[in-house]
Each structure stands twice: as C-alpha cells, then as structure tokens.
C-alpha cells in the first residue's frame, strides 16, 4: 500500500514554483506603472486616424518614453496611456531604424521613470520578464529565459532589408502590441526593449547597454543617429581550441548572411566567415562591431580580419550611411 505523502513534502515541492511566481509578480508590479500603451496617429480630411500602436517605457521624469522605431514609423504624434489611467499627447523626438529604437515625449507623468539595467550582465538561461501594454491591456506579462545574446536579425523597413544588431533572444512570447515594452531582470531593471518586428510570438529585445545608451542620447539631442552600415546578419561564435591558439581569441562573430549589394558584400565578406577583428579591435558579439559603426566610420575604410576555412583573411569594407535613418 502506497504511503501517503507528508504535507510538508508537498509544500516543499511547491516551493520552487511559488518562488518563481513571486518573482514574476514582484517584477510585474514594479515595471507595469512605467509601461504605457501608445497610439500614433495621422491626419486626413475627416479627422485623425491610427497609424501605429504598441508599448513604450517611461525613462525620464519629464516625460520621455522609449519605444520601437517600427511602432512610430511614418508618424510624428499620438498619445500614451499609463496603467494608472493617466494619458498624455506625445510627439516623436527621433527614431533609429537600425537599432529599432525611438524616443517620444509627452508631459511629465505622475508615475516615476523606470530604472535601466545593463544587458551586458545577462547570461543565457537567466530569467527575464516581458511587460507590455498592448491595446491598453496594462500589465500584459510573459516570462521566460534568455535563449541567446548578441544576435543580429534581418527585417524589412520602408521597403528595404536591414539588420537589427545585438538583440536578446528569449522564450518570453510577444505579440505586436507588446513592441516597445520592457524586458526586465529579476530586480525590475529594464535590460531590453521588446520588439516583435520579426513576427508575432518571437521573443526578441533590443538590449539596454553602452551602445544603446549612446543611441538614446543622440536621439534626445539631435532627433536622429547617423549610423554606418555594413549589412551582415551574424551570431556570436566560440572558436575551437586550435583557432584559439592560432588567433589568441576565444570568441568571434560568425557571419550568417551578407546582404546583397551591401558594403560587406562589396568588401568580400562571406557567409560562414568568423569576424575576429574590425578596425584592429577584437569582435566577439554584435555590440562590439556596432560600437564601431557610428558617424565617424561612414565612408572610411574598415579593415576586417576573418577566419575563413581555417585561415585568417584580411579584407577592407567601406561602411556607408544608412539611408533614411531617423
């Protein structure tokens, strides 16, 4: 006869789930007030009409919000609604399609701004929580783990194929209305801005790190970011033992795809290459390459060393300014 389980044993089994649930609930309660639903509008003869909608994260006390560039594409004004019921008109400050980030501004809200974290501290397998405000459904929450870091994904924007670099991949599912919402760590700090640009249900986020802080500062100051463009889809890559000995590096950036006609294509980069250095600096993830591709790199030869078929090969690409950026 099977012996009955002790009550304390059942409680012990529930412990991990309770701890997980408590963490997700605590983060959701912390982050939800900072996340607004935004609706971008345009004008026509019979009045205003909706052109785009998503979520946005309040990050300053005077009403600046961070969202996705594709949410505000082609628009300049709209309104934002917070979980506490407060609303404000908003205007586009600036957008950067290459990072899929945009800044909008409304009047100073009653709620406090979110606290930014640092995506560089994230590790694969770490718990993260996505909070959106799709269609005004405040506190739409999904949780998951970091599935990958330093990804680069191709997207279509304004009829052109572009690459969003250095994204965080998670198994926290997203829908289109959650684009521009917050990806938070277990301390409630914002480590990414969710983007569903690659398709509903895919958990992708633009990281908050040194590079994106620089992008945000440029948007606040100038309303745009002058960006150099290479045109590669890439993923971080761990070198094998012999390559580590030969190159002195443990990591590189594997080229998954080279966009046809791009500076990378013209410079001779190929799918399958592993980028070791760019501008004589080691490259280990998409951000380390992205840091080199701001305004001062436009039109300047960029020496790139790659590992190709076991051999180190030197090429030179000339980044160009990303057309229609901002």
Foldseek 3Di string as FASTA:
>chain_A
DDDDDDPVVVVVVCVVVVVVVVLQVVLLVLQLQQKKKKFFWDADDVGIDTDFIAMWGFAAQFFKTKFFQVRQPPGFWTKIAGPVGDIWIKGWLAHFNQQRMTMIGTGRDPDHGAAADALVPFDFFAKKKWFIQAPNNTSPIFIWTFHAWQFKDWAADPNDIHINTTKTWTQRFAAQRHGNTFIAHSVNHGQFGFHCRVHGGTTITRGDHPVVVVQVVCSNVPRFFWWWGAAFGWGKDADDPVVCVVPVDGIFIATQQGDPPGLNVVFPDHHGWTWQDKQNHGHGHRVVVRVCIGDVQAQPWIWIWTQDPNDIDITITRTHTDPPTD
